[in-house]
Each structure stands twice: as C-alpha cells, then as structure tokens.
Amino acid sequence: MGAPIDEAADVFTLINTFHTSRERQGAIVESLRRFTEDVARELPGFVAASMHVSLDGARVVNYVQWRSRADLDAMLALPSAKVHMAEVGALADKVEPVPYRVAYVGSAG
C-alpha cells in the first residue's frame, strides 16, 4: 500500500519530471518501476513512489516520498542508483527534480 498524500505527513517529497518522446516514455516508466521494486523499496527511509505519464507522450512524472532528505541522499550515493540515474537520464531529453512540501489536500465528500 502506498503512502497517502497528506499535508500532516512528515515526509520529504521529490517530484521528477522527465521530458521525453512518446517512443521512450514507456522505457522511462519501466526503468523507474524496476529501480523502485528492486532497490529503493528495500532502503531505509523509502516511503512510496508513483509514476504518471502525460497523455501526449512527452513527459513522465515520478512522485517519490522519503522519510527525510538524508534518506534520499543516501540512496543517491549508491552505485546502483548512479547507474539507474544515468540509464533513465539517457532516455529523457531533460530531467527536472524539484523538492516539494504538501501544502493542501482536498477530496470528495
């Protein structure tokens, strides 16, 4: 079960936007999925990840939650993470990683 998006949650959120082509969009999702399932989810501090694809095929958005920035930085220092970042980076024309804090969540009812 993934973590809910909650403004009261004490998590570090990183949203990566991968600009790409329709032909490479699926490969980016597969690379992110494989890394999440094989590596990230077993690491201390990992909370959840989701991938979203734009309907025009031009972008993939990866929404990732970690307990802290330090936990994310520890993952990024791993050799396997460096290989993954190079792989997924080569599939994208541009990558925009931006840290966020949840400010508001609204829902039906």
Protein backbone atom coordinates (compact mmCIF):
# COMPACT_ATOMS: atom_id res chain seq x y z
CA MET A 1 0.00 0.00 0.00
CA GLY A 2 1.34 3.41 -0.95
CA ALA A 3 1.51 6.39 1.33
CA PRO A 4 -1.34 8.85 1.11
CA ILE A 5 -0.62 12.44 0.16
CA ASP A 6 -1.18 14.26 3.45
CA GLU A 7 -0.11 17.74 4.48
CA ALA A 8 0.41 16.48 8.05
CA ALA A 9 2.80 13.70 6.97
CA ASP A 10 6.42 14.26 7.90
CA VAL A 11 8.00 13.13 4.62
CA PHE A 12 10.36 14.55 2.03
CA THR A 13 8.74 14.66 -1.41
CA LEU A 14 10.68 14.80 -4.65
CA ILE A 15 8.85 15.22 -7.94
CA ASN A 16 10.92 14.40 -11.02
CA THR A 17 9.65 15.49 -14.42
CA PHE A 18 11.23 13.65 -17.34
CA HIS A 19 10.75 15.34 -20.71
CA THR A 20 10.90 12.69 -23.41
CA SER A 21 9.25 11.34 -26.53
CA ARG A 22 6.26 9.04 -26.90
CA GLU A 23 8.66 6.30 -28.06
CA ARG A 24 10.75 6.48 -24.86
CA GLN A 25 8.00 7.22 -22.33
CA GLY A 26 7.35 3.55 -21.53
CA ALA A 27 11.05 2.79 -21.14
CA ILE A 28 11.37 5.56 -18.55
CA VAL A 29 8.42 4.19 -16.58
CA GLU A 30 9.88 0.67 -16.75
CA SER A 31 13.30 1.87 -15.55
CA LEU A 32 11.75 3.78 -12.65
CA ARG A 33 9.48 0.84 -11.75
CA ARG A 34 12.33 -1.65 -11.84
CA PHE A 35 14.58 0.53 -9.66
CA THR A 36 11.76 1.16 -7.19
CA GLU A 37 10.88 -2.53 -6.87
CA ASP A 38 14.43 -3.92 -6.93
CA VAL A 39 16.33 -1.30 -4.93
CA ALA A 40 14.53 1.71 -3.45
CA ARG A 41 11.70 -0.01 -1.59
CA GLU A 42 14.22 -2.05 0.43
CA LEU A 43 16.17 1.02 1.58
CA PRO A 44 15.78 2.75 4.94
CA GLY A 45 13.56 5.80 4.66
CA PHE A 46 11.75 4.90 1.43
CA VAL A 47 8.01 5.59 1.74
CA ALA A 48 6.39 5.39 -1.70
CA ALA A 49 6.71 6.19 -5.40
CA SER A 50 4.29 6.68 -8.25
CA MET A 51 4.75 7.35 -11.94
CA HIS A 52 2.43 9.40 -14.09
CA VAL A 53 2.58 9.66 -17.88
CA SER A 54 1.30 12.60 -19.88
CA LEU A 55 -1.32 11.74 -22.46
CA ASP A 56 0.69 13.47 -25.18
CA GLY A 57 3.63 11.11 -24.56
CA ALA A 58 6.03 13.96 -23.82
CA ARG A 59 6.53 13.61 -20.05
CA VAL A 60 6.81 11.19 -17.16
CA VAL A 61 6.34 12.49 -13.63
CA ASN A 62 7.82 10.47 -10.78
CA TYR A 63 6.40 11.34 -7.34
CA VAL A 64 8.65 9.92 -4.61
CA GLN A 65 8.39 10.16 -0.83
CA TRP A 66 11.25 9.56 1.61
CA ARG A 67 11.30 9.97 5.38
CA SER A 68 13.99 12.64 5.01
CA ARG A 69 16.29 14.37 2.58
CA ALA A 70 19.17 12.46 4.19
CA ASP A 71 17.50 9.15 3.28
CA LEU A 72 17.15 10.28 -0.35
CA ASP A 73 20.77 11.46 -0.43
CA ALA A 74 21.95 8.09 0.96
CA MET A 75 20.12 6.31 -1.87
CA LEU A 76 21.58 8.66 -4.49
CA ALA A 77 25.10 7.84 -3.25
CA LEU A 78 24.68 4.11 -4.02
CA PRO A 79 26.48 2.79 -7.12
CA SER A 80 23.23 1.15 -8.29
CA ALA A 81 21.43 4.49 -8.05
CA LYS A 82 24.13 6.19 -10.12
CA VAL A 83 23.76 3.54 -12.82
CA HIS A 84 19.97 3.93 -12.73
CA MET A 85 20.14 7.73 -12.95
CA ALA A 86 22.43 7.50 -15.97
CA GLU A 87 20.08 4.98 -17.63
CA VAL A 88 16.90 6.95 -17.07
CA GLY A 89 18.65 10.23 -17.81
CA ALA A 90 19.72 8.91 -21.21
CA LEU A 91 16.08 8.19 -22.05
CA ALA A 92 15.00 11.76 -21.28
CA ASP A 93 15.64 14.98 -23.13
CA LYS A 94 15.51 16.89 -19.85
CA VAL A 95 15.07 15.92 -16.18
CA GLU A 96 13.69 18.36 -13.61
CA PRO A 97 13.94 17.11 -9.99
CA VAL A 98 12.22 19.52 -7.57
CA PRO A 99 11.63 19.01 -3.82
CA TYR A 100 8.14 19.82 -2.55
CA ARG A 101 6.13 20.04 0.63
CA VAL A 102 2.45 19.13 0.62
CA ALA A 103 0.50 22.31 1.43
CA TYR A 104 -3.11 21.18 0.96
CA VAL A 105 -5.09 18.06 0.10
CA GLY A 106 -8.79 18.19 -0.83
CA SER A 107 -11.05 15.26 -1.58
CA ALA A 108 -14.65 14.43 -2.46
CA GLY A 109 -17.24 14.38 0.27
